Amino acid sequence: MEFKPSRRLNGLYALINFLSFLCYCVIPVVFLQIIKQHPRHLYDIWSFVIGVVGLIVFVLIQLYLPAYVKTLKYEICSEDLRADGGVFWKRKKVIPFHKITNLNTLQGPFERRFGLGHLNVQTAGHGASTSPEGKLIGLEEFEAIKEAVMAKVRLVKSEATILDDRPPERTQQQLLKEMLQVLSRIEKNLQKP
């Protein structure tokens, strides 16, 4: 089953970018204009530089975000979960179901407003890191996707317990035979000078 993030993710990212632009650009420029002291032209120069650099960064990010969202793709396969994406650096992440230990759905206040959520996938062997191994962002039906992944995880883990690689049970006669072989090797080693 292959799926992509919602198109509403573009709107969410645009809102977050705009709020960041306000916090890191507009508010400092307004603050500099309010506290103007002598020499006043320095405050004007700094306001201009902050404004221009902030505006350029804002526009570049606004152009980048839709391209990034367009590259995101998720797939639930028979043995693993796959997440692909990236505009400049392509990232392909494969998470085997047998390693998945926990799935968390999260929905922040902005995501809730846009009807979106994301799924954090944690695995065994990811080290002491608290960050998830995989993140599926911009999902509308994130609870249903979580259940689909959990069903696959349960299926793979139940098959693993059935196909456990334990050695077959040995009979008493086989055990006695092996013990005699070990004892005879020990005797031979003791007899050597």
N, C-alpha and C. Protein backbone atom coordinates (compact mmCIF):
# COMPACT_ATOMS: atom_id res chain seq x y z
N MET A 1 0.85 -1.18 0.00
CA MET A 1 0.00 0.00 0.00
C MET A 1 0.90 1.24 0.00
N GLU A 2 0.78 2.03 -1.02
CA GLU A 2 1.59 3.24 -1.14
C GLU A 2 0.71 4.46 -0.90
N PHE A 3 1.25 5.45 -0.21
CA PHE A 3 0.50 6.68 0.04
C PHE A 3 1.45 7.85 0.19
N LYS A 4 0.90 9.04 0.02
CA LYS A 4 1.67 10.28 0.09
C LYS A 4 1.05 11.17 1.16
N PRO A 5 1.79 12.16 1.64
CA PRO A 5 1.19 13.10 2.59
C PRO A 5 0.10 13.93 1.93
N SER A 6 -0.76 14.49 2.74
CA SER A 6 -1.86 15.32 2.25
C SER A 6 -1.32 16.60 1.61
N ARG A 7 -2.09 17.13 0.65
CA ARG A 7 -1.72 18.41 0.03
C ARG A 7 -1.83 19.56 1.04
N ARG A 8 -2.60 19.33 2.10
CA ARG A 8 -2.74 20.36 3.14
C ARG A 8 -1.43 20.61 3.89
N LEU A 9 -0.48 19.68 3.75
CA LEU A 9 0.82 19.86 4.39
C LEU A 9 1.52 21.11 3.86
N ASN A 10 1.31 21.43 2.57
CA ASN A 10 1.88 22.66 2.00
C ASN A 10 1.37 23.90 2.74
N GLY A 11 0.06 23.93 3.03
CA GLY A 11 -0.52 25.06 3.76
C GLY A 11 0.03 25.16 5.18
N LEU A 12 0.19 24.00 5.83
CA LEU A 12 0.75 23.98 7.18
C LEU A 12 2.17 24.52 7.18
N TYR A 13 2.99 24.05 6.24
CA TYR A 13 4.37 24.54 6.17
C TYR A 13 4.43 26.02 5.82
N ALA A 14 3.54 26.48 4.95
CA ALA A 14 3.51 27.91 4.60
C ALA A 14 3.18 28.75 5.82
N LEU A 15 2.23 28.30 6.63
CA LEU A 15 1.87 29.02 7.86
C LEU A 15 3.04 29.07 8.84
N ILE A 16 3.70 27.95 9.03
CA ILE A 16 4.84 27.89 9.95
C ILE A 16 5.97 28.79 9.44
N ASN A 17 6.22 28.78 8.14
CA ASN A 17 7.26 29.63 7.56
C ASN A 17 6.91 31.11 7.76
N PHE A 18 5.63 31.47 7.56
CA PHE A 18 5.21 32.86 7.74
C PHE A 18 5.37 33.30 9.19
N LEU A 19 4.98 32.44 10.13
CA LEU A 19 5.13 32.78 11.55
C LEU A 19 6.61 32.92 11.93
N SER A 20 7.45 32.07 11.35
CA SER A 20 8.90 32.19 11.59
C SER A 20 9.43 33.49 11.02
N PHE A 21 8.95 33.87 9.84
CA PHE A 21 9.36 35.14 9.22
C PHE A 21 8.97 36.31 10.13
N LEU A 22 7.78 36.27 10.70
CA LEU A 22 7.35 37.33 11.61
C LEU A 22 8.26 37.40 12.83
N CYS A 23 8.54 36.24 13.43
CA CYS A 23 9.34 36.21 14.66
C CYS A 23 10.79 36.61 14.45
N TYR A 24 11.39 36.14 13.37
CA TYR A 24 12.83 36.35 13.17
C TYR A 24 13.18 37.53 12.28
N CYS A 25 12.18 38.15 11.65
CA CYS A 25 12.48 39.25 10.75
C CYS A 25 11.66 40.50 11.07
N VAL A 26 10.36 40.40 10.99
CA VAL A 26 9.50 41.58 11.14
C VAL A 26 9.59 42.16 12.55
N ILE A 27 9.48 41.32 13.55
CA ILE A 27 9.53 41.82 14.93
C ILE A 27 10.87 42.48 15.24
N PRO A 28 12.04 41.89 14.87
CA PRO A 28 13.30 42.60 15.12
C PRO A 28 13.40 43.94 14.39
N VAL A 29 12.89 44.02 13.15
CA VAL A 29 12.93 45.28 12.39
C VAL A 29 12.08 46.34 13.09
N VAL A 30 10.88 45.95 13.50
CA VAL A 30 10.01 46.90 14.21
C VAL A 30 10.66 47.33 15.52
N PHE A 31 11.26 46.40 16.24
CA PHE A 31 11.93 46.72 17.50
C PHE A 31 13.07 47.71 17.26
N LEU A 32 13.88 47.48 16.21
CA LEU A 32 14.98 48.40 15.90
C LEU A 32 14.46 49.80 15.56
N GLN A 33 13.34 49.88 14.88
CA GLN A 33 12.79 51.18 14.52
C GLN A 33 12.23 51.91 15.74
N ILE A 34 11.75 51.13 16.72
CA ILE A 34 11.19 51.76 17.94
C ILE A 34 12.31 52.30 18.82
N ILE A 35 13.41 51.58 18.93
CA ILE A 35 14.47 52.01 19.87
C ILE A 35 15.53 52.88 19.21
N LYS A 36 15.26 53.42 18.04
CA LYS A 36 16.25 54.24 17.32
C LYS A 36 16.86 55.28 18.24
N GLN A 37 18.18 55.31 18.22
CA GLN A 37 18.92 56.34 18.94
C GLN A 37 19.99 56.86 17.99
N HIS A 38 20.81 57.74 18.47
CA HIS A 38 21.88 58.28 17.62
C HIS A 38 22.97 57.27 17.48
N PRO A 39 23.55 57.08 16.39
CA PRO A 39 23.23 57.54 15.05
C PRO A 39 22.08 56.70 14.47
N ARG A 40 21.03 57.40 14.06
CA ARG A 40 19.80 56.77 13.58
C ARG A 40 19.99 55.96 12.29
N HIS A 41 20.92 56.38 11.46
CA HIS A 41 21.09 55.68 10.18
C HIS A 41 21.56 54.24 10.37
N LEU A 42 22.31 53.94 11.47
CA LEU A 42 22.73 52.56 11.73
C LEU A 42 21.53 51.64 11.97
N TYR A 43 20.53 52.15 12.68
CA TYR A 43 19.32 51.36 12.94
C TYR A 43 18.56 51.12 11.63
N ASP A 44 18.58 52.13 10.76
CA ASP A 44 17.91 51.98 9.46
C ASP A 44 18.64 50.96 8.59
N ILE A 45 19.96 51.00 8.61
CA ILE A 45 20.76 50.05 7.82
C ILE A 45 20.52 48.62 8.31
N TRP A 46 20.58 48.43 9.64
CA TRP A 46 20.36 47.10 10.20
C TRP A 46 18.94 46.62 9.92
N SER A 47 17.98 47.49 10.01
CA SER A 47 16.59 47.12 9.71
C SER A 47 16.47 46.68 8.25
N PHE A 48 17.12 47.43 7.36
CA PHE A 48 17.08 47.10 5.94
C PHE A 48 17.73 45.74 5.67
N VAL A 49 18.92 45.52 6.25
CA VAL A 49 19.64 44.25 6.04
C VAL A 49 18.81 43.08 6.58
N ILE A 50 18.31 43.20 7.80
CA ILE A 50 17.50 42.12 8.38
C ILE A 50 16.26 41.88 7.52
N GLY A 51 15.61 42.94 7.08
CA GLY A 51 14.40 42.81 6.27
C GLY A 51 14.66 42.13 4.94
N VAL A 52 15.72 42.55 4.24
CA VAL A 52 16.03 41.99 2.92
C VAL A 52 16.45 40.52 3.05
N VAL A 53 17.37 40.23 3.98
CA VAL A 53 17.82 38.85 4.16
C VAL A 53 16.65 37.96 4.59
N GLY A 54 15.84 38.46 5.51
CA GLY A 54 14.67 37.70 5.97
C GLY A 54 13.69 37.43 4.84
N LEU A 55 13.45 38.41 4.01
CA LEU A 55 12.53 38.25 2.88
C LEU A 55 13.06 37.25 1.86
N ILE A 56 14.36 37.30 1.58
CA ILE A 56 14.97 36.35 0.64
C ILE A 56 14.85 34.93 1.19
N VAL A 57 15.16 34.74 2.46
CA VAL A 57 15.08 33.42 3.09
C VAL A 57 13.62 32.93 3.07
N PHE A 58 12.69 33.81 3.40
CA PHE A 58 11.27 33.46 3.40
C PHE A 58 10.82 32.98 2.02
N VAL A 59 11.18 33.70 0.97
CA VAL A 59 10.78 33.33 -0.39
C VAL A 59 11.42 32.00 -0.80
N LEU A 60 12.70 31.82 -0.49
CA LEU A 60 13.38 30.57 -0.85
C LEU A 60 12.74 29.37 -0.16
N ILE A 61 12.41 29.54 1.12
CA ILE A 61 11.77 28.45 1.85
C ILE A 61 10.38 28.18 1.29
N GLN A 62 9.64 29.24 0.94
CA GLN A 62 8.30 29.05 0.36
C GLN A 62 8.37 28.30 -0.96
N LEU A 63 9.44 28.48 -1.72
CA LEU A 63 9.62 27.75 -2.97
C LEU A 63 10.06 26.31 -2.73
N TYR A 64 10.87 26.10 -1.71
CA TYR A 64 11.42 24.77 -1.42
C TYR A 64 10.37 23.82 -0.83
N LEU A 65 9.54 24.30 0.08
CA LEU A 65 8.63 23.42 0.82
C LEU A 65 7.68 22.62 -0.08
N PRO A 66 6.99 23.22 -1.06
CA PRO A 66 6.12 22.39 -1.91
C PRO A 66 6.90 21.34 -2.71
N ALA A 67 8.11 21.69 -3.12
CA ALA A 67 8.94 20.72 -3.84
C ALA A 67 9.31 19.55 -2.92
N TYR A 68 9.60 19.85 -1.66
CA TYR A 68 9.93 18.81 -0.68
C TYR A 68 8.73 17.91 -0.42
N VAL A 69 7.57 18.49 -0.18
CA VAL A 69 6.36 17.71 0.10
C VAL A 69 6.03 16.81 -1.08
N LYS A 70 6.25 17.29 -2.29
CA LYS A 70 5.96 16.52 -3.50
C LYS A 70 6.81 15.25 -3.58
N THR A 71 8.01 15.26 -2.98
CA THR A 71 8.91 14.10 -3.05
C THR A 71 8.60 13.04 -2.00
N LEU A 72 7.82 13.38 -0.98
CA LEU A 72 7.55 12.43 0.10
C LEU A 72 6.64 11.30 -0.38
N LYS A 73 7.03 10.08 -0.02
CA LYS A 73 6.24 8.90 -0.39
C LYS A 73 6.46 7.83 0.67
N TYR A 74 5.37 7.18 1.08
CA TYR A 74 5.43 6.13 2.08
C TYR A 74 4.83 4.86 1.50
N GLU A 75 5.33 3.70 1.95
CA GLU A 75 4.81 2.44 1.44
C GLU A 75 4.85 1.38 2.54
N ILE A 76 3.73 0.68 2.69
CA ILE A 76 3.65 -0.46 3.60
C ILE A 76 3.79 -1.70 2.74
N CYS A 77 4.94 -2.37 2.84
CA CYS A 77 5.22 -3.57 2.07
C CYS A 77 4.89 -4.80 2.92
N SER A 78 5.24 -5.98 2.42
CA SER A 78 4.93 -7.20 3.16
C SER A 78 5.86 -7.40 4.35
N GLU A 79 7.10 -6.96 4.25
CA GLU A 79 8.07 -7.17 5.31
C GLU A 79 8.57 -5.89 5.98
N ASP A 80 8.30 -4.73 5.38
CA ASP A 80 8.86 -3.50 5.92
C ASP A 80 8.02 -2.29 5.58
N LEU A 81 8.39 -1.19 6.21
CA LEU A 81 7.77 0.12 5.99
C LEU A 81 8.83 0.98 5.31
N ARG A 82 8.45 1.68 4.25
CA ARG A 82 9.42 2.48 3.50
C ARG A 82 8.99 3.94 3.47
N ALA A 83 9.97 4.82 3.59
CA ALA A 83 9.73 6.26 3.52
C ALA A 83 10.80 6.87 2.63
N ASP A 84 10.36 7.55 1.58
CA ASP A 84 11.28 8.18 0.63
C ASP A 84 11.00 9.68 0.58
N GLY A 85 12.03 10.45 0.26
CA GLY A 85 11.83 11.88 0.10
C GLY A 85 13.14 12.61 -0.04
N GLY A 86 13.05 13.90 -0.33
CA GLY A 86 14.22 14.74 -0.43
C GLY A 86 14.32 15.42 -1.78
N VAL A 87 14.57 16.72 -1.76
CA VAL A 87 14.70 17.49 -3.00
C VAL A 87 16.12 17.38 -3.53
N PHE A 88 17.09 17.74 -2.73
CA PHE A 88 18.48 17.71 -3.16
C PHE A 88 19.15 16.40 -2.76
N TRP A 89 18.98 16.00 -1.52
CA TRP A 89 19.53 14.74 -1.02
C TRP A 89 18.37 13.77 -0.85
N LYS A 90 18.36 12.75 -1.69
CA LYS A 90 17.29 11.75 -1.64
C LYS A 90 17.52 10.82 -0.45
N ARG A 91 16.46 10.58 0.29
CA ARG A 91 16.52 9.73 1.47
C ARG A 91 15.55 8.58 1.26
N LYS A 92 16.04 7.36 1.42
CA LYS A 92 15.20 6.17 1.34
C LYS A 92 15.41 5.40 2.63
N LYS A 93 14.36 5.29 3.41
CA LYS A 93 14.45 4.62 4.69
C LYS A 93 13.58 3.37 4.64
N VAL A 94 14.16 2.23 5.03
CA VAL A 94 13.45 0.96 5.09
C VAL A 94 13.48 0.50 6.54
N ILE A 95 12.30 0.30 7.12
CA ILE A 95 12.19 -0.12 8.51
C ILE A 95 11.50 -1.49 8.54
N PRO A 96 12.25 -2.55 8.86
CA PRO A 96 11.64 -3.89 8.91
C PRO A 96 10.60 -3.96 10.03
N PHE A 97 9.49 -4.63 9.76
CA PHE A 97 8.42 -4.74 10.75
C PHE A 97 8.88 -5.46 12.01
N HIS A 98 9.77 -6.44 11.87
CA HIS A 98 10.18 -7.20 13.06
C HIS A 98 11.01 -6.36 14.03
N LYS A 99 11.52 -5.20 13.58
CA LYS A 99 12.29 -4.33 14.47
C LYS A 99 11.45 -3.24 15.12
N ILE A 100 10.25 -3.03 14.64
CA ILE A 100 9.40 -1.96 15.18
C ILE A 100 8.94 -2.33 16.59
N THR A 101 9.21 -1.43 17.53
CA THR A 101 8.80 -1.66 18.92
C THR A 101 7.64 -0.76 19.33
N ASN A 102 7.52 0.39 18.70
CA ASN A 102 6.49 1.33 19.14
C ASN A 102 6.09 2.25 17.99
N LEU A 103 4.81 2.57 17.94
CA LEU A 103 4.28 3.53 16.98
C LEU A 103 3.51 4.59 17.76
N ASN A 104 3.84 5.84 17.54
CA ASN A 104 3.14 6.94 18.21
C ASN A 104 2.53 7.86 17.17
N THR A 105 1.28 8.22 17.39
CA THR A 105 0.67 9.24 16.54
C THR A 105 0.71 10.56 17.29
N LEU A 106 1.06 11.60 16.59
CA LEU A 106 1.15 12.93 17.18
C LEU A 106 0.41 13.93 16.31
N GLN A 107 -0.19 14.91 16.97
CA GLN A 107 -0.92 15.95 16.25
C GLN A 107 -0.78 17.24 17.05
N GLY A 108 0.06 18.14 16.56
CA GLY A 108 0.26 19.42 17.22
C GLY A 108 -0.91 20.36 16.95
N PRO A 109 -0.90 21.54 17.56
CA PRO A 109 -2.02 22.47 17.39
C PRO A 109 -2.21 22.93 15.94
N PHE A 110 -1.13 23.18 15.23
CA PHE A 110 -1.25 23.60 13.83
C PHE A 110 -1.71 22.43 12.96
N GLU A 111 -1.17 21.25 13.25
CA GLU A 111 -1.59 20.07 12.50
C GLU A 111 -3.08 19.80 12.71
N ARG A 112 -3.53 19.95 13.94
CA ARG A 112 -4.94 19.73 14.24
C ARG A 112 -5.82 20.68 13.44
N ARG A 113 -5.39 21.93 13.32
CA ARG A 113 -6.13 22.93 12.56
C ARG A 113 -6.26 22.53 11.09
N PHE A 114 -5.24 21.87 10.56
CA PHE A 114 -5.24 21.44 9.16
C PHE A 114 -5.76 20.01 8.99
N GLY A 115 -6.13 19.36 10.09
CA GLY A 115 -6.65 17.99 10.01
C GLY A 115 -5.57 16.97 9.67
N LEU A 116 -4.34 17.22 10.11
CA LEU A 116 -3.21 16.34 9.81
C LEU A 116 -2.61 15.79 11.09
N GLY A 117 -1.77 14.82 10.94
CA GLY A 117 -1.02 14.26 12.05
C GLY A 117 0.19 13.54 11.49
N HIS A 118 1.04 13.04 12.38
CA HIS A 118 2.17 12.26 11.90
C HIS A 118 2.38 11.04 12.77
N LEU A 119 3.12 10.11 12.23
CA LEU A 119 3.35 8.82 12.87
C LEU A 119 4.85 8.68 13.12
N ASN A 120 5.22 8.46 14.38
CA ASN A 120 6.61 8.21 14.74
C ASN A 120 6.82 6.71 14.90
N VAL A 121 7.84 6.19 14.24
CA VAL A 121 8.14 4.76 14.28
C VAL A 121 9.44 4.57 15.05
N GLN A 122 9.36 3.81 16.15
CA GLN A 122 10.55 3.53 16.95
C GLN A 122 10.90 2.06 16.81
N THR A 123 12.20 1.79 16.77
CA THR A 123 12.65 0.41 16.56
C THR A 123 13.62 -0.02 17.64
N ALA A 124 13.77 -1.33 17.74
CA ALA A 124 14.80 -1.90 18.60
C ALA A 124 16.13 -1.70 17.90
N GLY A 125 17.15 -1.42 18.66
CA GLY A 125 18.47 -1.26 18.07
C GLY A 125 18.74 0.11 17.49
N HIS A 126 17.88 1.07 17.78
CA HIS A 126 18.12 2.43 17.28
C HIS A 126 19.06 3.19 18.21
N GLY A 127 19.56 2.52 19.22
CA GLY A 127 20.49 3.15 20.14
C GLY A 127 19.76 3.88 21.24
N ALA A 128 20.49 4.72 21.96
CA ALA A 128 19.92 5.45 23.09
C ALA A 128 19.19 6.71 22.64
N SER A 129 19.07 6.89 21.35
CA SER A 129 18.43 8.09 20.83
C SER A 129 16.94 8.09 21.17
N THR A 130 16.43 9.26 21.53
CA THR A 130 15.00 9.37 21.83
C THR A 130 14.21 9.76 20.59
N SER A 131 14.89 10.12 19.52
CA SER A 131 14.19 10.47 18.30
C SER A 131 13.73 9.21 17.59
N PRO A 132 12.63 9.29 16.86
CA PRO A 132 12.13 8.08 16.19
C PRO A 132 13.01 7.68 15.02
N GLU A 133 12.98 6.40 14.70
CA GLU A 133 13.71 5.87 13.54
C GLU A 133 13.11 6.39 12.25
N GLY A 134 11.79 6.49 12.22
CA GLY A 134 11.11 6.98 11.03
C GLY A 134 9.96 7.89 11.42
N LYS A 135 9.66 8.83 10.52
CA LYS A 135 8.58 9.77 10.76
C LYS A 135 7.77 9.89 9.49
N LEU A 136 6.49 9.62 9.58
CA LEU A 136 5.58 9.76 8.45
C LEU A 136 4.74 11.00 8.72
N ILE A 137 4.98 12.08 7.99
CA ILE A 137 4.36 13.37 8.29
C ILE A 137 3.25 13.70 7.30
N GLY A 138 2.36 14.60 7.73
CA GLY A 138 1.33 15.13 6.85
C GLY A 138 0.23 14.16 6.50
N LEU A 139 -0.11 13.27 7.42
CA LEU A 139 -1.10 12.23 7.14
C LEU A 139 -2.49 12.66 7.61
N GLU A 140 -3.49 12.44 6.77
CA GLU A 140 -4.87 12.72 7.17
C GLU A 140 -5.42 11.57 8.00
N GLU A 141 -5.23 10.36 7.55
CA GLU A 141 -5.75 9.17 8.23
C GLU A 141 -4.63 8.49 9.02
N PHE A 142 -3.97 9.23 9.89
CA PHE A 142 -2.80 8.71 10.58
C PHE A 142 -3.15 7.58 11.55
N GLU A 143 -4.32 7.60 12.16
CA GLU A 143 -4.72 6.51 13.06
C GLU A 143 -4.94 5.21 12.28
N ALA A 144 -5.58 5.30 11.12
CA ALA A 144 -5.82 4.11 10.30
C ALA A 144 -4.50 3.54 9.78
N ILE A 145 -3.57 4.42 9.42
CA ILE A 145 -2.26 3.98 8.94
C ILE A 145 -1.50 3.30 10.07
N LYS A 146 -1.62 3.86 11.28
CA LYS A 146 -0.98 3.23 12.44
C LYS A 146 -1.51 1.82 12.64
N GLU A 147 -2.81 1.65 12.55
CA GLU A 147 -3.42 0.32 12.72
C GLU A 147 -2.97 -0.64 11.62
N ALA A 148 -2.84 -0.16 10.39
CA ALA A 148 -2.38 -1.01 9.29
C ALA A 148 -0.95 -1.47 9.53
N VAL A 149 -0.10 -0.57 10.00
CA VAL A 149 1.30 -0.93 10.28
C VAL A 149 1.35 -1.89 11.46
N MET A 150 0.56 -1.62 12.51
CA MET A 150 0.56 -2.50 13.68
C MET A 150 0.08 -3.91 13.31
N ALA A 151 -0.89 -4.01 12.41
CA ALA A 151 -1.37 -5.32 11.96
C ALA A 151 -0.23 -6.09 11.29
N LYS A 152 0.54 -5.39 10.45
CA LYS A 152 1.68 -6.03 9.78
C LYS A 152 2.74 -6.44 10.80
N VAL A 153 3.00 -5.57 11.78
CA VAL A 153 3.99 -5.88 12.82
C VAL A 153 3.56 -7.12 13.59
N ARG A 154 2.30 -7.17 14.01
CA ARG A 154 1.80 -8.34 14.74
C ARG A 154 1.90 -9.61 13.89
N LEU A 155 1.57 -9.50 12.61
CA LEU A 155 1.63 -10.65 11.72
C LEU A 155 3.07 -11.16 11.58
N VAL A 156 4.01 -10.25 11.35
CA VAL A 156 5.41 -10.65 11.18
C VAL A 156 5.95 -11.25 12.47
N LYS A 157 5.61 -10.67 13.61
CA LYS A 157 6.12 -11.18 14.89
C LYS A 157 5.48 -12.51 15.24
N SER A 158 4.21 -12.72 14.89
CA SER A 158 3.59 -14.02 15.17
C SER A 158 4.19 -15.10 14.28
N GLU A 159 4.49 -14.77 13.02
CA GLU A 159 5.16 -15.73 12.14
C GLU A 159 6.55 -16.06 12.65
N ALA A 160 7.22 -15.09 13.24
CA ALA A 160 8.57 -15.31 13.75
C ALA A 160 8.55 -16.27 14.93
N THR A 161 7.52 -16.19 15.77
CA THR A 161 7.46 -17.12 16.90
C THR A 161 7.13 -18.53 16.44
N ILE A 162 6.34 -18.64 15.38
CA ILE A 162 6.02 -19.97 14.83
C ILE A 162 7.25 -20.59 14.19
N LEU A 163 7.98 -19.77 13.46
CA LEU A 163 9.16 -20.26 12.74
C LEU A 163 10.44 -20.05 13.55
N ASP A 164 10.33 -20.17 14.85
CA ASP A 164 11.48 -19.95 15.74
C ASP A 164 12.61 -20.91 15.37
N ASP A 165 13.83 -20.40 15.39
CA ASP A 165 14.99 -21.20 15.00
C ASP A 165 15.61 -21.96 16.16
N ARG A 166 14.81 -22.44 17.07
CA ARG A 166 15.35 -23.23 18.17
C ARG A 166 15.78 -24.59 17.65
N PRO A 167 16.82 -25.14 18.26
CA PRO A 167 17.22 -26.48 17.83
C PRO A 167 16.12 -27.48 18.21
N PRO A 168 15.99 -28.54 17.43
CA PRO A 168 14.95 -29.52 17.74
C PRO A 168 15.23 -30.21 19.07
N GLU A 169 14.18 -30.69 19.71
CA GLU A 169 14.32 -31.40 20.97
C GLU A 169 15.14 -32.67 20.76
N ARG A 170 16.05 -32.91 21.70
CA ARG A 170 16.87 -34.12 21.60
C ARG A 170 16.32 -35.19 22.56
N THR A 171 16.44 -36.39 22.14
CA THR A 171 15.98 -37.48 23.01
C THR A 171 17.04 -37.76 24.06
N GLN A 172 16.65 -38.54 25.07
CA GLN A 172 17.61 -38.88 26.13
C GLN A 172 18.77 -39.69 25.57
N GLN A 173 18.46 -40.54 24.60
CA GLN A 173 19.51 -41.36 24.01
C GLN A 173 20.53 -40.49 23.29
N GLN A 174 20.07 -39.46 22.57
CA GLN A 174 20.99 -38.57 21.86
C GLN A 174 21.84 -37.79 22.86
N LEU A 175 21.23 -37.34 23.94
CA LEU A 175 21.99 -36.61 24.96
C LEU A 175 23.06 -37.50 25.59
N LEU A 176 22.69 -38.74 25.92
CA LEU A 176 23.67 -39.67 26.51
C LEU A 176 24.82 -39.94 25.55
N LYS A 177 24.51 -40.07 24.27
CA LYS A 177 25.53 -40.32 23.26
C LYS A 177 26.49 -39.13 23.19
N GLU A 178 25.95 -37.91 23.19
CA GLU A 178 26.79 -36.71 23.14
C GLU A 178 27.66 -36.60 24.40
N MET A 179 27.08 -36.96 25.56
CA MET A 179 27.85 -36.89 26.81
C MET A 179 29.00 -37.89 26.79
N LEU A 180 28.75 -39.08 26.26
CA LEU A 180 29.82 -40.07 26.15
C LEU A 180 30.93 -39.60 25.23
N GLN A 181 30.58 -38.97 24.15
CA GLN A 181 31.59 -38.45 23.23
C GLN A 181 32.44 -37.37 23.91
N VAL A 182 31.81 -36.50 24.67
CA VAL A 182 32.55 -35.46 25.38
C VAL A 182 33.46 -36.08 26.43
N LEU A 183 32.96 -37.07 27.17
CA LEU A 183 33.79 -37.73 28.19
C LEU A 183 34.98 -38.43 27.56
N SER A 184 34.78 -39.08 26.42
CA SER A 184 35.90 -39.77 25.77
C SER A 184 36.95 -38.76 25.31
N ARG A 185 36.52 -37.57 24.82
CA ARG A 185 37.50 -36.53 24.44
C ARG A 185 38.26 -36.02 25.65
N ILE A 186 37.57 -35.89 26.76
CA ILE A 186 38.24 -35.42 27.98
C ILE A 186 39.27 -36.45 28.42
N GLU A 187 38.92 -37.74 28.38
CA GLU A 187 39.87 -38.80 28.77
C GLU A 187 41.10 -38.77 27.88
N LYS A 188 40.90 -38.61 26.59
CA LYS A 188 42.03 -38.57 25.66
C LYS A 188 42.94 -37.40 25.97
N ASN A 189 42.35 -36.25 26.29
CA ASN A 189 43.15 -35.06 26.62
C ASN A 189 43.90 -35.25 27.92
N LEU A 190 43.32 -35.96 28.86
CA LEU A 190 43.99 -36.21 30.16
C LEU A 190 45.15 -37.19 30.01
N GLN A 191 45.03 -38.13 29.10
CA GLN A 191 46.07 -39.17 28.90
C GLN A 191 47.28 -38.61 28.17
N LYS A 192 47.13 -37.54 27.46
CA LYS A 192 48.27 -36.96 26.76
C LYS A 192 49.24 -36.35 27.77
N PRO A 193 50.56 -36.57 27.58
CA PRO A 193 51.55 -36.03 28.53
C PRO A 193 51.77 -34.56 28.42
